[in-house]
Amino acid sequence: VSCAPAEEGEASHPPGPSDTAETGAAETPERLA
């Protein structure tokens, strides 16, 4: 498997759910999981 860090200029957000998993914006542990 090749592992490479994200290149400069790539999208700043991953696909799918918002990044509340990192900010913890009033979310329950269950919802964050």
PDB file of all heavy atoms in Angstrom:
ATOM      1  N   VAL A   1       0.847  -1.180   0.000  1.00  0.00           N
ATOM      2  CA  VAL A   1       0.000   0.000   0.000  1.00  0.00           C
ATOM      3  C   VAL A   1       0.880   1.226   0.000  1.00  0.00           C
ATOM      4  O   VAL A   1       1.841   1.306   0.753  1.00  0.00           O
ATOM      5  CB  VAL A   1      -0.915   0.019   1.257  1.00  0.00           C
ATOM      6  CG1 VAL A   1      -1.726   1.283   1.289  1.00  0.00           C
ATOM      7  CG2 VAL A   1      -1.802  -1.200   1.280  1.00  0.00           C
ATOM      8  N   SER A   2       0.559   2.169  -0.836  1.00  0.00           N
ATOM      9  CA  SER A   2       1.289   3.422  -0.891  1.00  0.00           C
ATOM     10  C   SER A   2       0.624   4.401   0.054  1.00  0.00           C
ATOM     11  O   SER A   2      -0.579   4.563   0.027  1.00  0.00           O
ATOM     12  CB  SER A   2       1.254   3.967  -2.320  1.00  0.00           C
ATOM     13  OG  SER A   2       1.702   5.303  -2.338  1.00  0.00           O
ATOM     14  N   CYS A   3       1.413   5.070   0.863  1.00  0.00           N
ATOM     15  CA  CYS A   3       0.882   6.059   1.783  1.00  0.00           C
ATOM     16  C   CYS A   3       1.551   7.379   1.495  1.00  0.00           C
ATOM     17  O   CYS A   3       2.765   7.490   1.612  1.00  0.00           O
ATOM     18  CB  CYS A   3       1.152   5.663   3.236  1.00  0.00           C
ATOM     19  SG  CYS A   3       0.424   4.085   3.653  1.00  0.00           S
ATOM     20  N   ALA A   4       0.769   8.372   1.124  1.00  0.00           N
ATOM     21  CA  ALA A   4       1.328   9.677   0.812  1.00  0.00           C
ATOM     22  C   ALA A   4       0.478  10.745   1.470  1.00  0.00           C
ATOM     23  O   ALA A   4      -0.738  10.638   1.506  1.00  0.00           O
ATOM     24  CB  ALA A   4       1.351   9.901  -0.700  1.00  0.00           C
ATOM     25  N   PRO A   5       1.116  11.807   1.990  1.00  0.00           N
ATOM     26  CA  PRO A   5       0.335  12.894   2.569  1.00  0.00           C
ATOM     27  C   PRO A   5      -0.415  13.642   1.481  1.00  0.00           C
ATOM     28  O   PRO A   5      -0.079  13.568   0.304  1.00  0.00           O
ATOM     29  CB  PRO A   5       1.405  13.787   3.231  1.00  0.00           C
ATOM     30  CG  PRO A   5       2.670  13.458   2.519  1.00  0.00           C
ATOM     31  CD  PRO A   5       2.545  12.027   2.055  1.00  0.00           C
ATOM     32  N   ALA A   6      -1.443  14.363   1.883  1.00  0.00           N
ATOM     33  CA  ALA A   6      -2.220  15.139   0.931  1.00  0.00           C
ATOM     34  C   ALA A   6      -1.323  16.159   0.250  1.00  0.00           C
ATOM     35  O   ALA A   6      -0.471  16.774   0.882  1.00  0.00           O
ATOM     36  CB  ALA A   6      -3.373  15.842   1.650  1.00  0.00           C
ATOM     37  N   GLU A   7      -1.519  16.329  -1.042  1.00  0.00           N
ATOM     38  CA  GLU A   7      -0.742  17.269  -1.830  1.00  0.00           C
ATOM     39  C   GLU A   7      -1.280  18.675  -1.629  1.00  0.00           C
ATOM     40  O   GLU A   7      -2.457  18.879  -1.353  1.00  0.00           O
ATOM     41  CB  GLU A   7      -0.842  16.909  -3.313  1.00  0.00           C
ATOM     42  CG  GLU A   7      -0.267  15.563  -3.654  1.00  0.00           C
ATOM     43  CD  GLU A   7       1.222  15.581  -3.861  1.00  0.00           C
ATOM     44  OE1 GLU A   7       1.749  16.620  -4.301  1.00  0.00           O
ATOM     45  OE2 GLU A   7       1.864  14.574  -3.550  1.00  0.00           O
ATOM     46  N   GLU A   8      -0.424  19.666  -1.816  1.00  0.00           N
ATOM     47  CA  GLU A   8      -0.820  21.059  -1.779  1.00  0.00           C
ATOM     48  C   GLU A   8      -1.921  21.286  -2.810  1.00  0.00           C
ATOM     49  O   GLU A   8      -1.830  20.795  -3.925  1.00  0.00           O
ATOM     50  CB  GLU A   8       0.407  21.930  -2.100  1.00  0.00           C
ATOM     51  CG  GLU A   8       0.210  23.392  -1.823  1.00  0.00           C
ATOM     52  CD  GLU A   8       0.175  23.692  -0.338  1.00  0.00           C
ATOM     53  OE1 GLU A   8       0.757  22.958   0.463  1.00  0.00           O
ATOM     54  OE2 GLU A   8      -0.456  24.689   0.015  1.00  0.00           O
ATOM     55  N   GLY A   9      -2.962  21.975  -2.468  1.00  0.00           N
ATOM     56  CA  GLY A   9      -4.023  22.267  -3.410  1.00  0.00           C
ATOM     57  C   GLY A   9      -5.152  21.256  -3.417  1.00  0.00           C
ATOM     58  O   GLY A   9      -6.127  21.429  -4.110  1.00  0.00           O
ATOM     59  N   GLU A  10      -5.032  20.148  -2.670  1.00  0.00           N
ATOM     60  CA  GLU A  10      -6.121  19.178  -2.619  1.00  0.00           C
ATOM     61  C   GLU A  10      -7.255  19.741  -1.776  1.00  0.00           C
ATOM     62  O   GLU A  10      -7.078  20.675  -1.016  1.00  0.00           O
ATOM     63  CB  GLU A  10      -5.629  17.857  -2.017  1.00  0.00           C
ATOM     64  CG  GLU A  10      -4.778  17.066  -2.969  1.00  0.00           C
ATOM     65  CD  GLU A  10      -4.537  15.662  -2.456  1.00  0.00           C
ATOM     66  OE1 GLU A  10      -5.390  15.133  -1.724  1.00  0.00           O
ATOM     67  OE2 GLU A  10      -3.499  15.110  -2.789  1.00  0.00           O
ATOM     68  N   ALA A  11      -8.406  19.158  -1.890  1.00  0.00           N
ATOM     69  CA  ALA A  11      -9.580  19.609  -1.142  1.00  0.00           C
ATOM     70  C   ALA A  11      -9.267  19.675   0.339  1.00  0.00           C
ATOM     71  O   ALA A  11      -8.564  18.836   0.870  1.00  0.00           O
ATOM     72  CB  ALA A  11     -10.749  18.669  -1.389  1.00  0.00           C
ATOM     73  N   SER A  12      -9.792  20.698   1.009  1.00  0.00           N
ATOM     74  CA  SER A  12      -9.505  20.852   2.437  1.00  0.00           C
ATOM     75  C   SER A  12     -10.475  20.084   3.314  1.00  0.00           C
ATOM     76  O   SER A  12     -10.259  19.958   4.502  1.00  0.00           O
ATOM     77  CB  SER A  12      -9.521  22.331   2.814  1.00  0.00           C
ATOM     78  OG  SER A  12     -10.798  22.868   2.566  1.00  0.00           O
ATOM     79  N   HIS A  13     -11.568  19.590   2.759  1.00  0.00           N
ATOM     80  CA  HIS A  13     -12.533  18.817   3.528  1.00  0.00           C
ATOM     81  C   HIS A  13     -12.663  17.431   2.940  1.00  0.00           C
ATOM     82  O   HIS A  13     -12.684  17.275   1.733  1.00  0.00           O
ATOM     83  CB  HIS A  13     -13.904  19.501   3.535  1.00  0.00           C
ATOM     84  CG  HIS A  13     -13.940  20.690   4.439  1.00  0.00           C
ATOM     85  ND1 HIS A  13     -14.122  20.571   5.790  1.00  0.00           N
ATOM     86  CD2 HIS A  13     -13.778  21.998   4.196  1.00  0.00           C
ATOM     87  CE1 HIS A  13     -14.092  21.760   6.336  1.00  0.00           C
ATOM     88  NE2 HIS A  13     -13.880  22.647   5.383  1.00  0.00           N
ATOM     89  N   PRO A  14     -12.792  16.407   3.793  1.00  0.00           N
ATOM     90  CA  PRO A  14     -12.980  15.048   3.308  1.00  0.00           C
ATOM     91  C   PRO A  14     -14.378  14.869   2.747  1.00  0.00           C
ATOM     92  O   PRO A  14     -15.245  15.698   2.975  1.00  0.00           O
ATOM     93  CB  PRO A  14     -12.780  14.196   4.562  1.00  0.00           C
ATOM     94  CG  PRO A  14     -13.192  15.104   5.667  1.00  0.00           C
ATOM     95  CD  PRO A  14     -12.763  16.494   5.228  1.00  0.00           C
ATOM     96  N   PRO A  15     -14.581  13.772   2.050  1.00  0.00           N
ATOM     97  CA  PRO A  15     -15.919  13.500   1.562  1.00  0.00           C
ATOM     98  C   PRO A  15     -16.841  13.180   2.724  1.00  0.00           C
ATOM     99  O   PRO A  15     -16.376  12.801   3.784  1.00  0.00           O
ATOM    100  CB  PRO A  15     -15.713  12.252   0.685  1.00  0.00           C
ATOM    101  CG  PRO A  15     -14.529  11.579   1.296  1.00  0.00           C
ATOM    102  CD  PRO A  15     -13.649  12.701   1.771  1.00  0.00           C
ATOM    103  N   GLY A  16     -18.123  13.338   2.521  1.00  0.00           N
ATOM    104  CA  GLY A  16     -19.082  12.854   3.498  1.00  0.00           C
ATOM    105  C   GLY A  16     -19.366  13.820   4.618  1.00  0.00           C
ATOM    106  O   GLY A  16     -19.430  15.023   4.421  1.00  0.00           O
ATOM    107  N   PRO A  17     -19.485  13.292   5.852  1.00  0.00           N
ATOM    108  CA  PRO A  17     -19.954  14.086   6.981  1.00  0.00           C
ATOM    109  C   PRO A  17     -19.084  15.300   7.263  1.00  0.00           C
ATOM    110  O   PRO A  17     -17.920  15.334   6.903  1.00  0.00           O
ATOM    111  CB  PRO A  17     -19.891  13.097   8.156  1.00  0.00           C
ATOM    112  CG  PRO A  17     -19.883  11.759   7.532  1.00  0.00           C
ATOM    113  CD  PRO A  17     -19.222  11.917   6.200  1.00  0.00           C
ATOM    114  N   SER A  18     -19.655  16.277   7.922  1.00  0.00           N
ATOM    115  CA  SER A  18     -18.899  17.470   8.283  1.00  0.00           C
ATOM    116  C   SER A  18     -17.825  17.127   9.287  1.00  0.00           C
ATOM    117  O   SER A  18     -17.762  16.026   9.809  1.00  0.00           O
ATOM    118  CB  SER A  18     -19.852  18.503   8.891  1.00  0.00           C
ATOM    119  OG  SER A  18     -20.308  18.026  10.139  1.00  0.00           O
ATOM    120  N   ASP A  19     -16.972  18.094   9.574  1.00  0.00           N
ATOM    121  CA  ASP A  19     -15.882  17.797  10.491  1.00  0.00           C
ATOM    122  C   ASP A  19     -16.269  18.023  11.942  1.00  0.00           C
ATOM    123  O   ASP A  19     -15.429  18.373  12.756  1.00  0.00           O
ATOM    124  CB  ASP A  19     -14.623  18.589  10.117  1.00  0.00           C
ATOM    125  CG  ASP A  19     -14.886  19.998   9.705  1.00  0.00           C
ATOM    126  OD1 ASP A  19     -15.747  20.217   8.830  1.00  0.00           O
ATOM    127  OD2 ASP A  19     -14.230  20.891  10.233  1.00  0.00           O
ATOM    128  N   THR A  20     -17.518  17.780  12.320  1.00  0.00           N
ATOM    129  CA  THR A  20     -17.910  17.884  13.715  1.00  0.00           C
ATOM    130  C   THR A  20     -17.212  16.829  14.557  1.00  0.00           C
ATOM    131  O   THR A  20     -17.097  16.978  15.764  1.00  0.00           O
ATOM    132  CB  THR A  20     -19.438  17.736  13.898  1.00  0.00           C
ATOM    133  OG1 THR A  20     -19.843  16.498  13.346  1.00  0.00           O
ATOM    134  CG2 THR A  20     -20.184  18.888  13.282  1.00  0.00           C
ATOM    135  N   ALA A  21     -16.683  15.770  13.930  1.00  0.00           N
ATOM    136  CA  ALA A  21     -15.958  14.746  14.674  1.00  0.00           C
ATOM    137  C   ALA A  21     -14.711  15.335  15.300  1.00  0.00           C
ATOM    138  O   ALA A  21     -14.213  14.830  16.284  1.00  0.00           O
ATOM    139  CB  ALA A  21     -15.585  13.573  13.767  1.00  0.00           C
ATOM    140  N   GLU A  22     -14.199  16.422  14.738  1.00  0.00           N
ATOM    141  CA  GLU A  22     -13.012  17.039  15.301  1.00  0.00           C
ATOM    142  C   GLU A  22     -13.345  18.245  16.164  1.00  0.00           C
ATOM    143  O   GLU A  22     -12.651  18.532  17.114  1.00  0.00           O
ATOM    144  CB  GLU A  22     -12.052  17.438  14.177  1.00  0.00           C
ATOM    145  CG  GLU A  22     -11.452  16.231  13.523  1.00  0.00           C
ATOM    146  CD  GLU A  22     -10.419  16.582  12.491  1.00  0.00           C
ATOM    147  OE1 GLU A  22     -10.011  17.738  12.373  1.00  0.00           O
ATOM    148  OE2 GLU A  22     -10.022  15.663  11.789  1.00  0.00           O
ATOM    149  N   THR A  23     -14.387  18.972  15.834  1.00  0.00           N
ATOM    150  CA  THR A  23     -14.692  20.171  16.601  1.00  0.00           C
ATOM    151  C   THR A  23     -15.539  19.878  17.821  1.00  0.00           C
ATOM    152  O   THR A  23     -15.527  20.650  18.768  1.00  0.00           O
ATOM    153  CB  THR A  23     -15.435  21.200  15.726  1.00  0.00           C
ATOM    154  OG1 THR A  23     -16.687  20.646  15.339  1.00  0.00           O
ATOM    155  CG2 THR A  23     -14.623  21.594  14.517  1.00  0.00           C
ATOM    156  N   GLY A  24     -16.305  18.795  17.801  1.00  0.00           N
ATOM    157  CA  GLY A  24     -17.147  18.436  18.936  1.00  0.00           C
ATOM    158  C   GLY A  24     -18.279  19.411  19.148  1.00  0.00           C
ATOM    159  O   GLY A  24     -18.767  19.567  20.257  1.00  0.00           O
ATOM    160  N   ALA A  25     -18.729  20.082  18.113  1.00  0.00           N
ATOM    161  CA  ALA A  25     -19.737  21.135  18.195  1.00  0.00           C
ATOM    162  C   ALA A  25     -21.049  20.625  18.784  1.00  0.00           C
ATOM    163  O   ALA A  25     -21.971  20.294  18.067  1.00  0.00           O
ATOM    164  CB  ALA A  25     -19.968  21.735  16.817  1.00  0.00           C
ATOM    165  N   ALA A  26     -21.125  20.584  20.109  1.00  0.00           N
ATOM    166  CA  ALA A  26     -22.343  20.199  20.831  1.00  0.00           C
ATOM    167  C   ALA A  26     -22.895  18.854  20.385  1.00  0.00           C
ATOM    168  O   ALA A  26     -24.095  18.653  20.367  1.00  0.00           O
ATOM    169  CB  ALA A  26     -23.390  21.293  20.725  1.00  0.00           C
ATOM    170  N   GLU A  27     -22.052  17.944  20.018  1.00  0.00           N
ATOM    171  CA  GLU A  27     -22.458  16.615  19.592  1.00  0.00           C
ATOM    172  C   GLU A  27     -22.239  15.633  20.736  1.00  0.00           C
ATOM    173  O   GLU A  27     -21.320  15.790  21.534  1.00  0.00           O
ATOM    174  CB  GLU A  27     -21.638  16.153  18.388  1.00  0.00           C
ATOM    175  CG  GLU A  27     -21.852  16.964  17.130  1.00  0.00           C
ATOM    176  CD  GLU A  27     -23.112  16.565  16.385  1.00  0.00           C
ATOM    177  OE1 GLU A  27     -23.720  15.542  16.727  1.00  0.00           O
ATOM    178  OE2 GLU A  27     -23.480  17.289  15.458  1.00  0.00           O
ATOM    179  N   THR A  28     -23.056  14.594  20.779  1.00  0.00           N
ATOM    180  CA  THR A  28     -22.866  13.536  21.770  1.00  0.00           C
ATOM    181  C   THR A  28     -21.724  12.638  21.326  1.00  0.00           C
ATOM    182  O   THR A  28     -21.401  12.571  20.130  1.00  0.00           O
ATOM    183  CB  THR A  28     -24.138  12.690  21.904  1.00  0.00           C
ATOM    184  OG1 THR A  28     -24.353  11.988  20.680  1.00  0.00           O
ATOM    185  CG2 THR A  28     -25.338  13.540  22.268  1.00  0.00           C
ATOM    186  N   PRO A  29     -21.081  11.933  22.255  1.00  0.00           N
ATOM    187  CA  PRO A  29     -20.031  10.988  21.870  1.00  0.00           C
ATOM    188  C   PRO A  29     -20.542   9.954  20.862  1.00  0.00           C
ATOM    189  O   PRO A  29     -19.821   9.595  19.927  1.00  0.00           O
ATOM    190  CB  PRO A  29     -19.645  10.322  23.190  1.00  0.00           C
ATOM    191  CG  PRO A  29     -19.978  11.333  24.231  1.00  0.00           C
ATOM    192  CD  PRO A  29     -21.212  12.031  23.715  1.00  0.00           C
ATOM    193  N   GLU A  30     -21.779   9.522  21.017  1.00  0.00           N
ATOM    194  CA  GLU A  30     -22.341   8.531  20.102  1.00  0.00           C
ATOM    195  C   GLU A  30     -22.460   9.079  18.689  1.00  0.00           C
ATOM    196  O   GLU A  30     -22.126   8.408  17.716  1.00  0.00           O
ATOM    197  CB  GLU A  30     -23.706   8.054  20.619  1.00  0.00           C
ATOM    198  CG  GLU A  30     -23.641   7.288  21.918  1.00  0.00           C
ATOM    199  CD  GLU A  30     -23.532   8.154  23.181  1.00  0.00           C
ATOM    200  OE1 GLU A  30     -23.624   9.411  23.094  1.00  0.00           O
ATOM    201  OE2 GLU A  30     -23.352   7.573  24.263  1.00  0.00           O
ATOM    202  N   ARG A  31     -22.929  10.318  18.555  1.00  0.00           N
ATOM    203  CA  ARG A  31     -23.055  10.943  17.231  1.00  0.00           C
ATOM    204  C   ARG A  31     -21.678  11.182  16.620  1.00  0.00           C
ATOM    205  O   ARG A  31     -21.491  11.008  15.420  1.00  0.00           O
ATOM    206  CB  ARG A  31     -23.844  12.253  17.351  1.00  0.00           C
ATOM    207  CG  ARG A  31     -24.095  12.939  16.029  1.00  0.00           C
ATOM    208  CD  ARG A  31     -25.006  12.109  15.118  1.00  0.00           C
ATOM    209  NE  ARG A  31     -24.395  12.129  13.801  1.00  0.00           N
ATOM    210  CZ  ARG A  31     -24.465  11.178  12.893  1.00  0.00           C
ATOM    211  NH1 ARG A  31     -25.141  10.081  13.115  1.00  0.00           N
ATOM    212  NH2 ARG A  31     -23.872  11.285  11.745  1.00  0.00           N
ATOM    213  N   LEU A  32     -20.705  11.594  17.432  1.00  0.00           N
ATOM    214  CA  LEU A  32     -19.350  11.822  16.928  1.00  0.00           C
ATOM    215  C   LEU A  32     -18.721  10.519  16.451  1.00  0.00           C
ATOM    216  O   LEU A  32     -17.995  10.492  15.454  1.00  0.00           O
ATOM    217  CB  LEU A  32     -18.496  12.480  18.008  1.00  0.00           C
ATOM    218  CG  LEU A  32     -18.927  13.900  18.394  1.00  0.00           C
ATOM    219  CD1 LEU A  32     -18.164  14.368  19.627  1.00  0.00           C
ATOM    220  CD2 LEU A  32     -18.744  14.852  17.238  1.00  0.00           C
ATOM    221  N   ALA A  33     -19.010   9.424  17.151  1.00  0.00           N
ATOM    222  CA  ALA A  33     -18.484   8.117  16.744  1.00  0.00           C
ATOM    223  C   ALA A  33     -19.095   7.680  15.417  1.00  0.00           C
ATOM    224  O   ALA A  33     -18.381   7.187  14.523  1.00  0.00           O
ATOM    225  CB  ALA A  33     -18.761   7.080  17.836  1.00  0.00           C
TER     226      ALA A  33
END
